[in-house]
Amino acid sequence: MLDAAIVMARSEAAEKTGRKPAPLVPWRLHDLRRSGVSALARLGFDSIVVDKILAHQPAKSFLASRLSTSGTTSQPSALVR
């Protein structure tokens, strides 16, 4: 149902601009969660706050695990306060 609503909104926007809407790429609801985490990190939110928003336990930091799997050895300044 959400995909149908997104397609409808994109079609309406395309009609207003006179353009054909681009195809909707496959996505999952979890993609929004990851995008939200990335946005919070870019805005400088502390990783502890982000973990609480995600309902993670302090020992399992989502951001820290993402950084460790990306090959980054130190946290960006936006994640450290």
N, C-alpha and C. Protein backbone atom coordinates (compact mmCIF):
# COMPACT_ATOMS: atom_id res chain seq x y z
N MET A 1 0.80 -1.18 0.00
CA MET A 1 0.00 0.00 0.00
C MET A 1 0.86 1.26 0.00
N LEU A 2 1.97 1.23 0.72
CA LEU A 2 2.82 2.41 0.76
C LEU A 2 3.42 2.69 -0.61
N ASP A 3 3.83 1.63 -1.32
CA ASP A 3 4.37 1.82 -2.66
C ASP A 3 3.34 2.49 -3.57
N ALA A 4 2.07 2.08 -3.46
CA ALA A 4 1.01 2.66 -4.28
C ALA A 4 0.85 4.15 -3.98
N ALA A 5 0.93 4.52 -2.71
CA ALA A 5 0.83 5.93 -2.33
C ALA A 5 2.01 6.73 -2.86
N ILE A 6 3.20 6.14 -2.82
CA ILE A 6 4.39 6.82 -3.33
C ILE A 6 4.29 6.98 -4.84
N VAL A 7 3.86 5.94 -5.53
CA VAL A 7 3.71 6.01 -6.99
C VAL A 7 2.69 7.09 -7.35
N MET A 8 1.59 7.15 -6.62
CA MET A 8 0.55 8.16 -6.88
C MET A 8 1.12 9.56 -6.69
N ALA A 9 1.82 9.79 -5.59
CA ALA A 9 2.40 11.11 -5.32
C ALA A 9 3.41 11.50 -6.40
N ARG A 10 4.22 10.53 -6.82
CA ARG A 10 5.21 10.81 -7.87
C ARG A 10 4.53 11.11 -9.19
N SER A 11 3.44 10.40 -9.49
CA SER A 11 2.71 10.63 -10.74
C SER A 11 2.08 12.02 -10.74
N GLU A 12 1.50 12.41 -9.61
CA GLU A 12 0.90 13.74 -9.50
C GLU A 12 1.95 14.83 -9.66
N ALA A 13 3.11 14.63 -9.04
CA ALA A 13 4.20 15.61 -9.16
C ALA A 13 4.69 15.68 -10.60
N ALA A 14 4.75 14.54 -11.27
CA ALA A 14 5.21 14.51 -12.66
C ALA A 14 4.22 15.25 -13.57
N GLU A 15 2.93 15.08 -13.29
CA GLU A 15 1.92 15.78 -14.10
C GLU A 15 2.08 17.29 -13.98
N LYS A 16 2.36 17.77 -12.79
CA LYS A 16 2.52 19.21 -12.56
C LYS A 16 3.72 19.77 -13.31
N THR A 17 4.79 18.96 -13.43
CA THR A 17 6.00 19.44 -14.10
C THR A 17 6.04 19.07 -15.57
N GLY A 18 5.11 18.21 -16.00
CA GLY A 18 5.09 17.79 -17.40
C GLY A 18 6.14 16.75 -17.73
N ARG A 19 6.69 16.13 -16.71
CA ARG A 19 7.71 15.09 -16.92
C ARG A 19 7.13 13.72 -16.62
N LYS A 20 7.77 12.71 -17.18
CA LYS A 20 7.40 11.33 -16.88
C LYS A 20 8.13 10.92 -15.60
N PRO A 21 7.42 10.30 -14.63
CA PRO A 21 8.11 9.90 -13.39
C PRO A 21 9.12 8.79 -13.65
N ALA A 22 10.22 8.86 -12.94
CA ALA A 22 11.22 7.80 -13.03
C ALA A 22 10.65 6.56 -12.37
N PRO A 23 11.11 5.37 -12.78
CA PRO A 23 10.60 4.15 -12.14
C PRO A 23 10.96 4.12 -10.65
N LEU A 24 10.09 3.55 -9.87
CA LEU A 24 10.31 3.40 -8.44
C LEU A 24 11.22 2.20 -8.21
N VAL A 25 12.37 2.45 -7.60
CA VAL A 25 13.31 1.35 -7.35
C VAL A 25 12.83 0.55 -6.14
N PRO A 26 13.13 -0.73 -6.09
CA PRO A 26 12.71 -1.54 -4.93
C PRO A 26 13.33 -1.01 -3.64
N TRP A 27 12.56 -1.01 -2.58
CA TRP A 27 13.05 -0.55 -1.29
C TRP A 27 12.32 -1.31 -0.19
N ARG A 28 12.86 -1.19 1.01
CA ARG A 28 12.26 -1.82 2.19
C ARG A 28 12.07 -0.75 3.26
N LEU A 29 11.14 -0.98 4.15
CA LEU A 29 10.89 -0.03 5.23
C LEU A 29 12.16 0.21 6.05
N HIS A 30 12.98 -0.81 6.18
CA HIS A 30 14.24 -0.67 6.94
C HIS A 30 15.16 0.36 6.30
N ASP A 31 15.02 0.60 4.99
CA ASP A 31 15.82 1.62 4.32
C ASP A 31 15.57 3.00 4.93
N LEU A 32 14.33 3.27 5.34
CA LEU A 32 14.02 4.55 5.98
C LEU A 32 14.73 4.67 7.32
N ARG A 33 14.81 3.56 8.04
CA ARG A 33 15.51 3.56 9.33
C ARG A 33 16.99 3.90 9.15
N ARG A 34 17.61 3.27 8.15
CA ARG A 34 19.03 3.56 7.88
C ARG A 34 19.22 5.00 7.42
N SER A 35 18.32 5.48 6.59
CA SER A 35 18.43 6.87 6.12
C SER A 35 18.28 7.84 7.28
N GLY A 36 17.37 7.52 8.20
CA GLY A 36 17.19 8.36 9.37
C GLY A 36 18.43 8.41 10.24
N VAL A 37 19.07 7.28 10.43
CA VAL A 37 20.30 7.22 11.22
C VAL A 37 21.40 8.06 10.56
N SER A 38 21.50 7.94 9.25
CA SER A 38 22.52 8.72 8.52
C SER A 38 22.25 10.21 8.66
N ALA A 39 20.99 10.61 8.56
CA ALA A 39 20.62 12.02 8.68
C ALA A 39 20.94 12.54 10.08
N LEU A 40 20.62 11.76 11.11
CA LEU A 40 20.93 12.18 12.47
C LEU A 40 22.43 12.33 12.68
N ALA A 41 23.21 11.43 12.12
CA ALA A 41 24.67 11.51 12.24
C ALA A 41 25.19 12.77 11.55
N ARG A 42 24.67 13.06 10.35
CA ARG A 42 25.10 14.27 9.64
C ARG A 42 24.73 15.53 10.40
N LEU A 43 23.63 15.49 11.13
CA LEU A 43 23.20 16.64 11.93
C LEU A 43 23.97 16.78 13.23
N GLY A 44 24.82 15.79 13.53
CA GLY A 44 25.67 15.88 14.71
C GLY A 44 25.09 15.27 15.98
N PHE A 45 24.02 14.47 15.85
CA PHE A 45 23.46 13.83 17.03
C PHE A 45 24.47 12.85 17.62
N ASP A 46 24.53 12.81 18.94
CA ASP A 46 25.40 11.89 19.64
C ASP A 46 24.94 10.45 19.38
N SER A 47 25.88 9.54 19.25
CA SER A 47 25.55 8.15 18.94
C SER A 47 24.69 7.51 20.03
N ILE A 48 24.84 7.95 21.27
CA ILE A 48 24.02 7.41 22.36
C ILE A 48 22.55 7.79 22.15
N VAL A 49 22.32 9.02 21.71
CA VAL A 49 20.95 9.48 21.44
C VAL A 49 20.35 8.67 20.28
N VAL A 50 21.13 8.49 19.23
CA VAL A 50 20.65 7.73 18.07
C VAL A 50 20.33 6.29 18.48
N ASP A 51 21.20 5.70 19.28
CA ASP A 51 20.96 4.33 19.75
C ASP A 51 19.66 4.25 20.55
N LYS A 52 19.39 5.26 21.38
CA LYS A 52 18.15 5.27 22.15
C LYS A 52 16.94 5.40 21.22
N ILE A 53 17.05 6.22 20.21
CA ILE A 53 15.96 6.36 19.23
C ILE A 53 15.70 5.01 18.56
N LEU A 54 16.76 4.29 18.27
CA LEU A 54 16.63 2.98 17.61
C LEU A 54 16.32 1.86 18.60
N ALA A 55 16.25 2.20 19.88
CA ALA A 55 15.99 1.23 20.95
C ALA A 55 17.09 0.18 21.06
N HIS A 56 18.32 0.62 20.83
CA HIS A 56 19.47 -0.28 20.98
C HIS A 56 20.01 -0.18 22.40
N GLN A 57 20.64 -1.24 22.83
CA GLN A 57 21.32 -1.24 24.11
C GLN A 57 22.65 -0.50 23.95
N PRO A 58 23.12 0.21 24.98
CA PRO A 58 24.36 0.97 24.86
C PRO A 58 25.56 0.14 24.41
N ALA A 59 25.63 -1.13 24.79
CA ALA A 59 26.77 -1.96 24.41
C ALA A 59 26.80 -2.24 22.91
N LYS A 60 25.66 -2.17 22.25
CA LYS A 60 25.59 -2.45 20.82
C LYS A 60 25.24 -1.17 20.08
N SER A 61 26.23 -0.37 19.78
CA SER A 61 26.00 0.88 19.09
C SER A 61 25.86 0.64 17.60
N PHE A 62 24.71 1.01 17.04
CA PHE A 62 24.48 0.85 15.60
C PHE A 62 25.51 1.65 14.80
N LEU A 63 25.71 2.90 15.19
CA LEU A 63 26.64 3.74 14.45
C LEU A 63 28.06 3.20 14.55
N ALA A 64 28.45 2.77 15.72
CA ALA A 64 29.80 2.23 15.89
C ALA A 64 29.99 0.98 15.04
N SER A 65 28.95 0.13 15.00
CA SER A 65 29.07 -1.08 14.19
C SER A 65 29.11 -0.74 12.71
N ARG A 66 28.35 0.28 12.28
CA ARG A 66 28.38 0.70 10.88
C ARG A 66 29.76 1.25 10.52
N LEU A 67 30.34 2.01 11.45
CA LEU A 67 31.66 2.58 11.18
C LEU A 67 32.71 1.48 11.14
N SER A 68 32.62 0.50 12.02
CA SER A 68 33.63 -0.55 12.05
C SER A 68 33.55 -1.43 10.80
N THR A 69 32.35 -1.61 10.25
CA THR A 69 32.22 -2.43 9.04
C THR A 69 32.57 -1.66 7.79
N SER A 70 32.61 -0.32 7.88
CA SER A 70 32.94 0.47 6.70
C SER A 70 34.45 0.69 6.57
N GLY A 71 35.22 0.19 7.53
CA GLY A 71 36.66 0.33 7.47
C GLY A 71 37.17 1.59 8.15
N THR A 72 36.28 2.37 8.73
CA THR A 72 36.68 3.58 9.44
C THR A 72 37.19 3.19 10.81
N THR A 73 38.34 3.72 11.18
CA THR A 73 38.91 3.34 12.46
C THR A 73 38.57 4.34 13.56
N SER A 74 38.20 5.56 13.22
CA SER A 74 37.83 6.52 14.23
C SER A 74 36.47 7.11 13.90
N GLN A 75 35.76 7.57 14.94
CA GLN A 75 34.45 8.14 14.72
C GLN A 75 34.57 9.55 14.16
N PRO A 76 33.71 9.95 13.23
CA PRO A 76 33.70 11.32 12.76
C PRO A 76 33.35 12.25 13.91
N SER A 77 33.80 13.49 13.83
CA SER A 77 33.55 14.44 14.92
C SER A 77 32.06 14.65 15.18
N ALA A 78 31.21 14.45 14.17
CA ALA A 78 29.78 14.62 14.36
C ALA A 78 29.21 13.57 15.31
N LEU A 79 29.91 12.47 15.50
CA LEU A 79 29.40 11.40 16.33
C LEU A 79 29.98 11.44 17.74
N VAL A 80 30.94 12.31 17.96
CA VAL A 80 31.61 12.37 19.26
C VAL A 80 31.32 13.71 19.90
N ARG A 81 30.83 13.68 21.12
CA ARG A 81 30.57 14.94 21.83
C ARG A 81 31.17 14.85 23.20
